[in-house]
Amino acid sequence: MTAPLPETSPADPMDVVGDAPAKAIEGRSPWRISWMRLKRDKWALGGGVVVLLLILVAVFAPVIVHLLGHPPNDFHEDRINAFDGMPKGSLGGINSDYLFGVEPTNGRDVFSRVVYGARVSLLVAFLSAVVAVVIGTVLGVIAGYFGGWIDSLVSRVMDALLAFPQLLFIIALISVVPNELWGLSGSGVRMAVLIAVIGFFGWPYVGRIVRGQTLSLREREYVEAARSLGAGRRYILFRELLPNLVAPITVYATLMIPTNVLTEAALSFLGAGVKAPTSSWGQMLSRAVQTYEGDPMFMIIPGLAIFVTVLAFNLLGDGIRDALDPKGSR
């Protein structure tokens, strides 16, 4: 016979845990979850760091130029060869005093003009994106929520603007804009016109996305529940629909900014951007075409500035899209 097993009482769960303090379950908001996803995307973080550096360069351009460069509109003829107008030395005259060399013919500091060019490009890109997002969000929500003839009218306006030749219109408009307008003059007028026109022709892209999302959200259960409880249109629009539209609007805004940078550079390249001597990357490329064989660095440096800026914003925008909408990005 086997010996009987000793009687034991079931273990108390509290005895197993002992004196260890219970860890409270912490909830995470959707924005925190999105931030955790974004932190795992190294390419997006790298793009965000570059974007932040570009913004700091644009904001503190006078300080940076004072420390590392020369006034952007000062001529340095002593750095130019008299017989061919090209910079003295190799690689466009790059040395410890002129970090990116000097411009052919006049000898202006390329580093200083690239730094100040970041101001123009980012300012036009950001403000035109804000104009497009505000108009597109307002009209897209109105069209998607109310439907009917309002939806048809807004949709047809968006179709017409999407088919309009934006580039040709801006070039034609710049040619007739006076030198003084809205209290601005010179390049200030050009920049204001660029911001207004690029933003106006950009809102249909935002509007179509917002309209489609609104059409889907207005049929969701929580909207129907709010409506059944007596919530008015204003409450549903501002408390139920708009908070759920922040993610797609944020994603598209980050992807719209690099497009606006390219648009501004293209217009400046064609002579429809800011007026000389205000620095612009597209304007520098336009001048570099004439001296490319003698000084290729003058084209490479502003071209790289545009390339790095657009790439950084695209990487950041893709990362934000994946973080906010992981299912839709697959």
C-alpha atoms as a PDB file:
ATOM      1  CA  MET A   1       0.000   0.000   0.000  1.00  0.00           C
ATOM      2  CA  THR A   2       1.099   3.475  -0.719  1.00  0.00           C
ATOM      3  CA  ALA A   3       1.253   5.991   2.030  1.00  0.00           C
ATOM      4  CA  PRO A   4      -1.577   8.526   1.958  1.00  0.00           C
ATOM      5  CA  LEU A   5      -0.643  11.920   0.604  1.00  0.00           C
ATOM      6  CA  PRO A   6      -0.555  14.665   3.171  1.00  0.00           C
ATOM      7  CA  GLU A   7      -3.576  16.887   3.121  1.00  0.00           C
ATOM      8  CA  THR A   8      -2.796  20.298   1.746  1.00  0.00           C
ATOM      9  CA  SER A   9      -5.028  23.272   1.327  1.00  0.00           C
ATOM     10  CA  PRO A  10      -5.104  25.113  -1.998  1.00  0.00           C
ATOM     11  CA  ALA A  11      -2.630  27.933  -2.163  1.00  0.00           C
ATOM     12  CA  ASP A  12      -3.999  31.364  -1.580  1.00  0.00           C
ATOM     13  CA  PRO A  13      -3.271  33.629  -4.559  1.00  0.00           C
ATOM     14  CA  MET A  14      -2.276  36.417  -2.196  1.00  0.00           C
ATOM     15  CA  ASP A  15       0.305  34.134  -0.599  1.00  0.00           C
ATOM     16  CA  VAL A  16       1.827  33.410  -3.998  1.00  0.00           C
ATOM     17  CA  VAL A  17       2.051  37.071  -4.840  1.00  0.00           C
ATOM     18  CA  GLY A  18       3.512  37.877  -1.457  1.00  0.00           C
ATOM     19  CA  ASP A  19       4.118  41.444  -0.563  1.00  0.00           C
ATOM     20  CA  ALA A  20       4.872  42.558  -4.151  1.00  0.00           C
ATOM     21  CA  PRO A  21       2.768  45.611  -4.990  1.00  0.00           C
ATOM     22  CA  ALA A  22       0.193  45.070  -7.700  1.00  0.00           C
ATOM     23  CA  LYS A  23       1.011  46.935 -10.897  1.00  0.00           C
ATOM     24  CA  ALA A  24      -1.847  49.049 -12.114  1.00  0.00           C
ATOM     25  CA  ILE A  25      -2.964  48.567 -15.684  1.00  0.00           C
ATOM     26  CA  GLU A  26      -2.250  51.761 -17.573  1.00  0.00           C
ATOM     27  CA  GLY A  27      -4.368  52.680 -20.557  1.00  0.00           C
ATOM     28  CA  ARG A  28      -2.786  54.145 -23.663  1.00  0.00           C
ATOM     29  CA  SER A  29      -4.402  56.750 -25.871  1.00  0.00           C
ATOM     30  CA  PRO A  30      -4.477  56.319 -29.655  1.00  0.00           C
ATOM     31  CA  TRP A  31      -1.929  59.138 -30.017  1.00  0.00           C
ATOM     32  CA  ARG A  32       0.465  57.411 -27.617  1.00  0.00           C
ATOM     33  CA  ILE A  33       0.107  54.138 -29.511  1.00  0.00           C
ATOM     34  CA  SER A  34       0.809  55.993 -32.763  1.00  0.00           C
ATOM     35  CA  TRP A  35       3.890  57.630 -31.235  1.00  0.00           C
ATOM     36  CA  MET A  36       5.193  54.209 -30.161  1.00  0.00           C
ATOM     37  CA  ARG A  37       4.759  52.941 -33.729  1.00  0.00           C
ATOM     38  CA  LEU A  38       6.480  56.028 -35.116  1.00  0.00           C
ATOM     39  CA  LYS A  39       9.471  55.577 -32.795  1.00  0.00           C
ATOM     40  CA  ARG A  40      10.076  52.122 -34.252  1.00  0.00           C
ATOM     41  CA  ASP A  41      10.382  53.600 -37.763  1.00  0.00           C
ATOM     42  CA  LYS A  42      14.016  54.734 -37.936  1.00  0.00           C
ATOM     43  CA  TRP A  43      13.657  56.206 -41.426  1.00  0.00           C
ATOM     44  CA  ALA A  44      10.732  58.368 -40.318  1.00  0.00           C
ATOM     45  CA  LEU A  45      12.638  59.533 -37.234  1.00  0.00           C
ATOM     46  CA  GLY A  46      15.628  60.384 -39.397  1.00  0.00           C
ATOM     47  CA  GLY A  47      13.409  62.392 -41.724  1.00  0.00           C
ATOM     48  CA  GLY A  48      11.874  64.155 -38.722  1.00  0.00           C
ATOM     49  CA  VAL A  49      15.307  65.112 -37.406  1.00  0.00           C
ATOM     50  CA  VAL A  50      16.291  66.557 -40.794  1.00  0.00           C
ATOM     51  CA  VAL A  51      12.995  68.471 -40.993  1.00  0.00           C
ATOM     52  CA  LEU A  52      13.586  69.902 -37.529  1.00  0.00           C
ATOM     53  CA  LEU A  53      17.117  70.956 -38.497  1.00  0.00           C
ATOM     54  CA  LEU A  54      15.808  72.630 -41.670  1.00  0.00           C
ATOM     55  CA  ILE A  55      13.243  74.562 -39.653  1.00  0.00           C
ATOM     56  CA  LEU A  56      15.923  75.696 -37.198  1.00  0.00           C
ATOM     57  CA  VAL A  57      18.160  76.755 -40.090  1.00  0.00           C
ATOM     58  CA  ALA A  58      15.333  78.791 -41.619  1.00  0.00           C
ATOM     59  CA  VAL A  59      14.408  80.441 -38.308  1.00  0.00           C
ATOM     60  CA  PHE A  60      17.964  81.262 -37.247  1.00  0.00           C
ATOM     61  CA  ALA A  61      19.315  82.045 -40.732  1.00  0.00           C
ATOM     62  CA  PRO A  62      20.738  85.482 -39.776  1.00  0.00           C
ATOM     63  CA  VAL A  63      22.620  84.018 -36.807  1.00  0.00           C
ATOM     64  CA  ILE A  64      23.997  81.089 -38.822  1.00  0.00           C
ATOM     65  CA  VAL A  65      25.121  83.336 -41.665  1.00  0.00           C
ATOM     66  CA  HIS A  66      26.739  85.769 -39.228  1.00  0.00           C
ATOM     67  CA  LEU A  67      28.747  82.949 -37.642  1.00  0.00           C
ATOM     68  CA  LEU A  68      29.626  80.821 -40.668  1.00  0.00           C
ATOM     69  CA  GLY A  69      29.101  82.896 -43.787  1.00  0.00           C
ATOM     70  CA  HIS A  70      28.843  86.320 -45.340  1.00  0.00           C
ATOM     71  CA  PRO A  71      25.881  88.587 -46.149  1.00  0.00           C
ATOM     72  CA  PRO A  72      23.942  86.803 -48.907  1.00  0.00           C
ATOM     73  CA  ASN A  73      23.805  89.785 -51.287  1.00  0.00           C
ATOM     74  CA  ASP A  74      27.400  91.005 -50.947  1.00  0.00           C
ATOM     75  CA  PHE A  75      29.613  90.644 -54.006  1.00  0.00           C
ATOM     76  CA  HIS A  76      33.127  89.243 -53.663  1.00  0.00           C
ATOM     77  CA  GLU A  77      34.780  89.953 -57.008  1.00  0.00           C
ATOM     78  CA  ASP A  78      38.167  89.070 -55.558  1.00  0.00           C
ATOM     79  CA  ARG A  79      36.996  85.410 -55.494  1.00  0.00           C
ATOM     80  CA  ILE A  80      36.260  85.421 -59.245  1.00  0.00           C
ATOM     81  CA  ASN A  81      38.697  84.867 -62.111  1.00  0.00           C
ATOM     82  CA  ALA A  82      38.712  87.922 -64.368  1.00  0.00           C
ATOM     83  CA  PHE A  83      39.162  86.019 -67.621  1.00  0.00           C
ATOM     84  CA  ASP A  84      36.226  83.567 -67.387  1.00  0.00           C
ATOM     85  CA  GLY A  85      34.071  84.742 -64.458  1.00  0.00           C
ATOM     86  CA  MET A  86      34.417  81.396 -62.628  1.00  0.00           C
ATOM     87  CA  PRO A  87      35.318  81.071 -58.917  1.00  0.00           C
ATOM     88  CA  LYS A  88      38.960  80.818 -58.019  1.00  0.00           C
ATOM     89  CA  GLY A  89      40.170  77.427 -56.766  1.00  0.00           C
ATOM     90  CA  SER A  90      38.607  74.012 -57.105  1.00  0.00           C
ATOM     91  CA  LEU A  91      35.036  72.870 -56.398  1.00  0.00           C
ATOM     92  CA  GLY A  92      33.505  76.275 -56.962  1.00  0.00           C
ATOM     93  CA  GLY A  93      35.844  78.113 -54.615  1.00  0.00           C
ATOM     94  CA  ILE A  94      35.037  76.059 -51.493  1.00  0.00           C
ATOM     95  CA  ASN A  95      37.343  76.826 -48.565  1.00  0.00           C
ATOM     96  CA  SER A  96      37.184  77.536 -44.841  1.00  0.00           C
ATOM     97  CA  ASP A  97      35.719  81.031 -45.401  1.00  0.00           C
ATOM     98  CA  TYR A  98      33.224  80.007 -48.095  1.00  0.00           C
ATOM     99  CA  LEU A  99      31.824  76.629 -47.028  1.00  0.00           C
ATOM    100  CA  PHE A 100      29.867  76.053 -50.256  1.00  0.00           C
ATOM    101  CA  GLY A 101      31.988  78.255 -52.504  1.00  0.00           C
ATOM    102  CA  VAL A 102      30.858  81.389 -54.331  1.00  0.00           C
ATOM    103  CA  GLU A 103      28.543  82.126 -57.237  1.00  0.00           C
ATOM    104  CA  PRO A 104      30.095  82.576 -60.677  1.00  0.00           C
ATOM    105  CA  THR A 105      30.316  86.107 -62.073  1.00  0.00           C
ATOM    106  CA  ASN A 106      29.463  88.008 -58.863  1.00  0.00           C
ATOM    107  CA  GLY A 107      31.063  85.974 -56.051  1.00  0.00           C
ATOM    108  CA  ARG A 108      28.114  85.873 -53.640  1.00  0.00           C
ATOM    109  CA  ASP A 109      28.415  83.346 -50.809  1.00  0.00           C
ATOM    110  CA  VAL A 110      26.548  80.162 -51.831  1.00  0.00           C
ATOM    111  CA  PHE A 111      26.266  78.928 -48.226  1.00  0.00           C
ATOM    112  CA  SER A 112      24.483  82.099 -47.116  1.00  0.00           C
ATOM    113  CA  ARG A 113      22.132  82.038 -50.076  1.00  0.00           C
ATOM    114  CA  VAL A 114      21.247  78.372 -49.498  1.00  0.00           C
ATOM    115  CA  VAL A 115      20.493  79.108 -45.833  1.00  0.00           C
ATOM    116  CA  TYR A 116      18.274  82.073 -46.694  1.00  0.00           C
ATOM    117  CA  GLY A 117      16.720  80.067 -49.529  1.00  0.00           C
ATOM    118  CA  ALA A 118      15.466  77.588 -46.925  1.00  0.00           C
ATOM    119  CA  ARG A 119      13.431  80.427 -45.426  1.00  0.00           C
ATOM    120  CA  VAL A 120      11.648  81.141 -48.686  1.00  0.00           C
ATOM    121  CA  SER A 121      10.980  77.511 -49.596  1.00  0.00           C
ATOM    122  CA  LEU A 122       9.744  76.409 -46.171  1.00  0.00           C
ATOM    123  CA  LEU A 123       7.666  79.542 -45.584  1.00  0.00           C
ATOM    124  CA  VAL A 124       5.859  79.214 -48.907  1.00  0.00           C
ATOM    125  CA  ALA A 125       5.443  75.445 -48.463  1.00  0.00           C
ATOM    126  CA  PHE A 126       4.113  75.613 -44.891  1.00  0.00           C
ATOM    127  CA  LEU A 127       1.731  78.541 -45.328  1.00  0.00           C
ATOM    128  CA  SER A 128       0.314  77.304 -48.627  1.00  0.00           C
ATOM    129  CA  ALA A 129      -0.260  73.894 -47.007  1.00  0.00           C
ATOM    130  CA  VAL A 130      -2.100  75.613 -44.132  1.00  0.00           C
ATOM    131  CA  VAL A 131      -4.321  77.486 -46.594  1.00  0.00           C
ATOM    132  CA  ALA A 132      -5.085  74.278 -48.506  1.00  0.00           C
ATOM    133  CA  VAL A 133      -5.779  72.256 -45.344  1.00  0.00           C
ATOM    134  CA  VAL A 134      -8.119  74.868 -43.832  1.00  0.00           C
ATOM    135  CA  ILE A 135     -10.178  75.384 -46.995  1.00  0.00           C
ATOM    136  CA  GLY A 136     -10.164  71.696 -47.920  1.00  0.00           C
ATOM    137  CA  THR A 137     -11.184  70.564 -44.439  1.00  0.00           C
ATOM    138  CA  VAL A 138     -14.062  73.031 -44.129  1.00  0.00           C
ATOM    139  CA  LEU A 139     -15.520  72.391 -47.572  1.00  0.00           C
ATOM    140  CA  GLY A 140     -14.823  68.641 -47.462  1.00  0.00           C
ATOM    141  CA  VAL A 141     -16.648  68.198 -44.152  1.00  0.00           C
ATOM    142  CA  ILE A 142     -19.584  70.319 -45.327  1.00  0.00           C
ATOM    143  CA  ALA A 143     -19.883  68.394 -48.589  1.00  0.00           C
ATOM    144  CA  GLY A 144     -19.558  64.976 -46.960  1.00  0.00           C
ATOM    145  CA  TYR A 145     -21.886  65.602 -44.038  1.00  0.00           C
ATOM    146  CA  PHE A 146     -24.732  67.535 -45.677  1.00  0.00           C
ATOM    147  CA  GLY A 147     -24.644  65.802 -49.087  1.00  0.00           C
ATOM    148  CA  GLY A 148     -27.267  66.655 -51.683  1.00  0.00           C
ATOM    149  CA  TRP A 149     -26.810  69.724 -53.851  1.00  0.00           C
ATOM    150  CA  ILE A 150     -24.085  71.066 -51.514  1.00  0.00           C
ATOM    151  CA  ASP A 151     -21.996  67.942 -52.101  1.00  0.00           C
ATOM    152  CA  SER A 152     -22.571  68.146 -55.853  1.00  0.00           C
ATOM    153  CA  LEU A 153     -21.579  71.835 -55.987  1.00  0.00           C
ATOM    154  CA  VAL A 154     -18.397  71.427 -53.928  1.00  0.00           C
ATOM    155  CA  SER A 155     -17.411  68.275 -55.841  1.00  0.00           C
ATOM    156  CA  ARG A 156     -17.805  69.986 -59.211  1.00  0.00           C
ATOM    157  CA  VAL A 157     -15.735  72.952 -58.030  1.00  0.00           C
ATOM    158  CA  MET A 158     -12.999  70.551 -56.901  1.00  0.00           C
ATOM    159  CA  ASP A 159     -13.058  68.789 -60.267  1.00  0.00           C
ATOM    160  CA  ALA A 160     -12.744  72.102 -62.088  1.00  0.00           C
ATOM    161  CA  LEU A 161      -9.792  73.258 -59.978  1.00  0.00           C
ATOM    162  CA  LEU A 162      -8.008  69.920 -60.361  1.00  0.00           C
ATOM    163  CA  ALA A 163      -8.260  70.285 -64.142  1.00  0.00           C
ATOM    164  CA  PHE A 164      -7.041  73.905 -64.111  1.00  0.00           C
ATOM    165  CA  PRO A 165      -3.452  74.561 -65.331  1.00  0.00           C
ATOM    166  CA  GLN A 166      -2.057  75.814 -62.040  1.00  0.00           C
ATOM    167  CA  LEU A 167       1.504  76.474 -63.219  1.00  0.00           C
ATOM    168  CA  LEU A 168       0.450  78.540 -66.230  1.00  0.00           C
ATOM    169  CA  PHE A 169      -2.044  80.516 -64.158  1.00  0.00           C
ATOM    170  CA  ILE A 170       0.596  81.454 -61.568  1.00  0.00           C
ATOM    171  CA  ILE A 171       3.057  82.542 -64.263  1.00  0.00           C
ATOM    172  CA  ALA A 172       0.377  84.685 -65.938  1.00  0.00           C
ATOM    173  CA  LEU A 173      -0.735  86.155 -62.601  1.00  0.00           C
ATOM    174  CA  ILE A 174       2.803  87.028 -61.484  1.00  0.00           C
ATOM    175  CA  SER A 175       3.353  88.982 -64.702  1.00  0.00           C
ATOM    176  CA  VAL A 176       0.465  91.362 -63.932  1.00  0.00           C
ATOM    177  CA  VAL A 177       0.824  91.653 -60.136  1.00  0.00           C
ATOM    178  CA  PRO A 178       1.918  95.183 -59.126  1.00  0.00           C
ATOM    179  CA  ASN A 179       5.131  95.766 -57.236  1.00  0.00           C
ATOM    180  CA  GLU A 180       3.203  96.891 -54.127  1.00  0.00           C
ATOM    181  CA  LEU A 181       0.158  95.026 -52.833  1.00  0.00           C
ATOM    182  CA  TRP A 182      -1.476  94.415 -49.423  1.00  0.00           C
ATOM    183  CA  GLY A 183       1.166  96.567 -47.768  1.00  0.00           C
ATOM    184  CA  LEU A 184       3.947  94.399 -49.216  1.00  0.00           C
ATOM    185  CA  SER A 185       6.497  95.137 -51.908  1.00  0.00           C
ATOM    186  CA  GLY A 186       8.991  93.305 -54.082  1.00  0.00           C
ATOM    187  CA  SER A 187       9.561  89.693 -53.085  1.00  0.00           C
ATOM    188  CA  GLY A 188       6.971  89.987 -50.322  1.00  0.00           C
ATOM    189  CA  VAL A 189       4.254  90.428 -52.944  1.00  0.00           C
ATOM    190  CA  ARG A 190       5.541  87.458 -54.929  1.00  0.00           C
ATOM    191  CA  MET A 191       5.603  85.231 -51.852  1.00  0.00           C
ATOM    192  CA  ALA A 192       2.087  86.278 -50.814  1.00  0.00           C
ATOM    193  CA  VAL A 193       0.763  85.510 -54.302  1.00  0.00           C
ATOM    194  CA  LEU A 194       2.552  82.137 -54.353  1.00  0.00           C
ATOM    195  CA  ILE A 195       1.126  81.173 -50.961  1.00  0.00           C
ATOM    196  CA  ALA A 196      -2.412  82.209 -51.905  1.00  0.00           C
ATOM    197  CA  VAL A 197      -2.440  80.564 -55.341  1.00  0.00           C
ATOM    198  CA  ILE A 198      -0.661  77.314 -54.391  1.00  0.00           C
ATOM    199  CA  GLY A 199      -2.898  76.960 -51.341  1.00  0.00           C
ATOM    200  CA  PHE A 200      -6.055  77.740 -53.317  1.00  0.00           C
ATOM    201  CA  PHE A 201      -5.284  75.191 -56.011  1.00  0.00           C
ATOM    202  CA  GLY A 202      -4.144  72.635 -53.419  1.00  0.00           C
ATOM    203  CA  TRP A 203      -7.287  72.486 -51.276  1.00  0.00           C
ATOM    204  CA  PRO A 204      -9.234  70.149 -53.638  1.00  0.00           C
ATOM    205  CA  TYR A 205      -6.733  67.356 -52.900  1.00  0.00           C
ATOM    206  CA  VAL A 206      -7.412  67.716 -49.170  1.00  0.00           C
ATOM    207  CA  GLY A 207     -11.120  68.274 -49.762  1.00  0.00           C
ATOM    208  CA  ARG A 208     -11.595  65.012 -51.649  1.00  0.00           C
ATOM    209  CA  ILE A 209      -9.942  62.988 -48.878  1.00  0.00           C
ATOM    210  CA  VAL A 210     -11.876  64.750 -46.114  1.00  0.00           C
ATOM    211  CA  ARG A 211     -15.153  64.391 -48.018  1.00  0.00           C
ATOM    212  CA  GLY A 212     -14.632  60.644 -48.475  1.00  0.00           C
ATOM    213  CA  GLN A 213     -13.748  60.141 -44.821  1.00  0.00           C
ATOM    214  CA  THR A 214     -16.754  62.203 -43.732  1.00  0.00           C
ATOM    215  CA  LEU A 215     -19.104  60.144 -45.890  1.00  0.00           C
ATOM    216  CA  SER A 216     -17.857  57.036 -44.066  1.00  0.00           C
ATOM    217  CA  LEU A 217     -17.805  58.516 -40.560  1.00  0.00           C
ATOM    218  CA  ARG A 218     -21.293  60.007 -40.667  1.00  0.00           C
ATOM    219  CA  GLU A 219     -22.771  56.485 -40.898  1.00  0.00           C
ATOM    220  CA  ARG A 220     -20.850  55.123 -37.889  1.00  0.00           C
ATOM    221  CA  GLU A 221     -22.658  53.944 -34.785  1.00  0.00           C
ATOM    222  CA  TYR A 222     -21.340  56.667 -32.467  1.00  0.00           C
ATOM    223  CA  VAL A 223     -22.620  59.379 -34.816  1.00  0.00           C
ATOM    224  CA  GLU A 224     -26.017  57.706 -34.988  1.00  0.00           C
ATOM    225  CA  ALA A 225     -26.004  57.401 -31.192  1.00  0.00           C
ATOM    226  CA  ALA A 226     -25.201  61.098 -30.769  1.00  0.00           C
ATOM    227  CA  ARG A 227     -27.936  61.993 -33.236  1.00  0.00           C
ATOM    228  CA  SER A 228     -30.479  59.774 -31.449  1.00  0.00           C
ATOM    229  CA  LEU A 229     -29.640  61.479 -28.145  1.00  0.00           C
ATOM    230  CA  GLY A 230     -30.563  64.832 -29.641  1.00  0.00           C
ATOM    231  CA  ALA A 231     -27.114  66.164 -30.558  1.00  0.00           C
ATOM    232  CA  GLY A 232     -27.175  69.013 -33.048  1.00  0.00           C
ATOM    233  CA  ARG A 233     -25.190  69.367 -36.242  1.00  0.00           C
ATOM    234  CA  ARG A 234     -22.577  71.587 -34.621  1.00  0.00           C
ATOM    235  CA  TYR A 235     -21.899  69.054 -31.883  1.00  0.00           C
ATOM    236  CA  ILE A 236     -21.615  66.173 -34.350  1.00  0.00           C
ATOM    237  CA  LEU A 237     -19.300  68.132 -36.652  1.00  0.00           C
ATOM    238  CA  PHE A 238     -16.926  69.454 -33.978  1.00  0.00           C
ATOM    239  CA  ARG A 239     -17.079  66.672 -31.371  1.00  0.00           C
ATOM    240  CA  GLU A 240     -17.629  63.516 -33.409  1.00  0.00           C
ATOM    241  CA  LEU A 241     -16.363  64.036 -36.970  1.00  0.00           C
ATOM    242  CA  LEU A 242     -13.449  66.507 -36.837  1.00  0.00           C
ATOM    243  CA  PRO A 243     -11.483  64.675 -34.076  1.00  0.00           C
ATOM    244  CA  ASN A 244     -11.604  61.517 -36.198  1.00  0.00           C
ATOM    245  CA  LEU A 245     -10.369  63.440 -39.252  1.00  0.00           C
ATOM    246  CA  VAL A 246      -7.203  64.725 -37.589  1.00  0.00           C
ATOM    247  CA  ALA A 247      -5.149  61.661 -38.571  1.00  0.00           C
ATOM    248  CA  PRO A 248      -5.797  61.708 -42.365  1.00  0.00           C
ATOM    249  CA  ILE A 249      -5.496  65.498 -42.461  1.00  0.00           C
ATOM    250  CA  THR A 250      -2.145  65.374 -40.635  1.00  0.00           C
ATOM    251  CA  VAL A 251      -0.831  62.697 -42.968  1.00  0.00           C
ATOM    252  CA  TYR A 252      -1.813  64.530 -46.122  1.00  0.00           C
ATOM    253  CA  ALA A 253      -0.473  67.849 -44.837  1.00  0.00           C
ATOM    254  CA  THR A 254       2.982  66.334 -44.258  1.00  0.00           C
ATOM    255  CA  LEU A 255       2.932  64.877 -47.765  1.00  0.00           C
ATOM    256  CA  MET A 256       1.722  68.155 -49.286  1.00  0.00           C
ATOM    257  CA  ILE A 257       4.607  70.248 -47.952  1.00  0.00           C
ATOM    258  CA  PRO A 258       7.341  68.630 -50.122  1.00  0.00           C
ATOM    259  CA  THR A 259       5.102  69.035 -53.173  1.00  0.00           C
ATOM    260  CA  ASN A 260       4.820  72.749 -52.387  1.00  0.00           C
ATOM    261  CA  VAL A 261       8.605  72.980 -52.004  1.00  0.00           C
ATOM    262  CA  LEU A 262       9.006  71.559 -55.505  1.00  0.00           C
ATOM    263  CA  THR A 263       6.320  73.886 -56.874  1.00  0.00           C
ATOM    264  CA  GLU A 264       8.016  76.953 -55.412  1.00  0.00           C
ATOM    265  CA  ALA A 265      11.394  75.835 -56.753  1.00  0.00           C
ATOM    266  CA  ALA A 266       9.928  75.229 -60.219  1.00  0.00           C
ATOM    267  CA  LEU A 267       8.279  78.661 -60.294  1.00  0.00           C
ATOM    268  CA  SER A 268      11.471  80.373 -59.122  1.00  0.00           C
ATOM    269  CA  PHE A 269      13.406  78.439 -61.762  1.00  0.00           C
ATOM    270  CA  LEU A 270      11.029  79.813 -64.419  1.00  0.00           C
ATOM    271  CA  GLY A 271      11.323  83.362 -63.092  1.00  0.00           C
ATOM    272  CA  ALA A 272       7.843  83.469 -61.512  1.00  0.00           C
ATOM    273  CA  GLY A 273       9.066  83.162 -57.929  1.00  0.00           C
ATOM    274  CA  VAL A 274      10.642  85.689 -55.600  1.00  0.00           C
ATOM    275  CA  LYS A 275      12.472  88.645 -57.096  1.00  0.00           C
ATOM    276  CA  ALA A 276      16.231  88.973 -57.114  1.00  0.00           C
ATOM    277  CA  PRO A 277      18.308  89.506 -55.046  1.00  0.00           C
ATOM    278  CA  THR A 278      16.142  87.494 -52.600  1.00  0.00           C
ATOM    279  CA  SER A 279      17.626  84.014 -52.406  1.00  0.00           C
ATOM    280  CA  SER A 280      15.673  80.972 -53.612  1.00  0.00           C
ATOM    281  CA  TRP A 281      16.836  77.449 -54.416  1.00  0.00           C
ATOM    282  CA  GLY A 282      14.983  77.393 -57.733  1.00  0.00           C
ATOM    283  CA  GLN A 283      16.410  80.768 -58.668  1.00  0.00           C
ATOM    284  CA  MET A 284      19.921  79.514 -57.901  1.00  0.00           C
ATOM    285  CA  LEU A 285      19.361  76.481 -60.141  1.00  0.00           C
ATOM    286  CA  SER A 286      18.166  78.755 -62.935  1.00  0.00           C
ATOM    287  CA  ARG A 287      21.407  80.753 -62.775  1.00  0.00           C
ATOM    288  CA  ALA A 288      23.476  77.586 -62.425  1.00  0.00           C
ATOM    289  CA  VAL A 289      22.240  76.244 -65.771  1.00  0.00           C
ATOM    290  CA  GLN A 290      24.168  79.014 -67.529  1.00  0.00           C
ATOM    291  CA  THR A 291      27.475  78.158 -65.828  1.00  0.00           C
ATOM    292  CA  TYR A 292      27.149  74.406 -65.284  1.00  0.00           C
ATOM    293  CA  GLU A 293      30.165  73.432 -67.398  1.00  0.00           C
ATOM    294  CA  GLY A 294      32.474  75.902 -65.657  1.00  0.00           C
ATOM    295  CA  ASP A 295      31.139  75.442 -62.100  1.00  0.00           C
ATOM    296  CA  PRO A 296      29.008  72.292 -61.550  1.00  0.00           C
ATOM    297  CA  MET A 297      29.017  72.770 -57.758  1.00  0.00           C
ATOM    298  CA  PHE A 298      26.772  75.806 -58.106  1.00  0.00           C
ATOM    299  CA  MET A 299      24.047  73.495 -59.469  1.00  0.00           C
ATOM    300  CA  ILE A 300      24.744  70.503 -57.226  1.00  0.00           C
ATOM    301  CA  ILE A 301      24.447  72.345 -53.884  1.00  0.00           C
ATOM    302  CA  PRO A 302      20.957  73.917 -54.285  1.00  0.00           C
ATOM    303  CA  GLY A 303      19.803  70.737 -56.049  1.00  0.00           C
ATOM    304  CA  LEU A 304      20.907  68.679 -53.052  1.00  0.00           C
ATOM    305  CA  ALA A 305      19.132  71.118 -50.721  1.00  0.00           C
ATOM    306  CA  ILE A 306      15.848  70.548 -52.570  1.00  0.00           C
ATOM    307  CA  PHE A 307      16.418  66.779 -52.738  1.00  0.00           C
ATOM    308  CA  VAL A 308      17.195  66.410 -49.008  1.00  0.00           C
ATOM    309  CA  THR A 309      14.238  68.604 -48.000  1.00  0.00           C
ATOM    310  CA  VAL A 310      11.713  66.725 -50.136  1.00  0.00           C
ATOM    311  CA  LEU A 311      13.100  63.319 -49.117  1.00  0.00           C
ATOM    312  CA  ALA A 312      12.995  64.175 -45.401  1.00  0.00           C
ATOM    313  CA  PHE A 313       9.382  65.352 -45.548  1.00  0.00           C
ATOM    314  CA  ASN A 314       8.349  62.290 -47.559  1.00  0.00           C
ATOM    315  CA  LEU A 315      10.003  59.902 -45.096  1.00  0.00           C
ATOM    316  CA  LEU A 316       8.356  61.680 -42.179  1.00  0.00           C
ATOM    317  CA  GLY A 317       4.979  61.719 -43.932  1.00  0.00           C
ATOM    318  CA  ASP A 318       5.151  58.009 -44.759  1.00  0.00           C
ATOM    319  CA  GLY A 319       6.087  57.216 -41.171  1.00  0.00           C
ATOM    320  CA  ILE A 320       3.207  59.276 -39.784  1.00  0.00           C
ATOM    321  CA  ARG A 321       0.806  57.557 -42.186  1.00  0.00           C
ATOM    322  CA  ASP A 322       1.969  54.109 -41.080  1.00  0.00           C
ATOM    323  CA  ALA A 323       1.767  55.095 -37.411  1.00  0.00           C
ATOM    324  CA  LEU A 324      -1.717  56.612 -37.575  1.00  0.00           C
ATOM    325  CA  ASP A 325      -3.224  54.061 -39.950  1.00  0.00           C
ATOM    326  CA  PRO A 326      -1.232  50.779 -39.793  1.00  0.00           C
ATOM    327  CA  LYS A 327      -3.998  48.756 -41.471  1.00  0.00           C
ATOM    328  CA  GLY A 328      -4.588  51.155 -44.328  1.00  0.00           C
ATOM    329  CA  SER A 329      -0.871  51.445 -45.139  1.00  0.00           C
ATOM    330  CA  ARG A 330      -0.348  47.742 -45.757  1.00  0.00           C
END
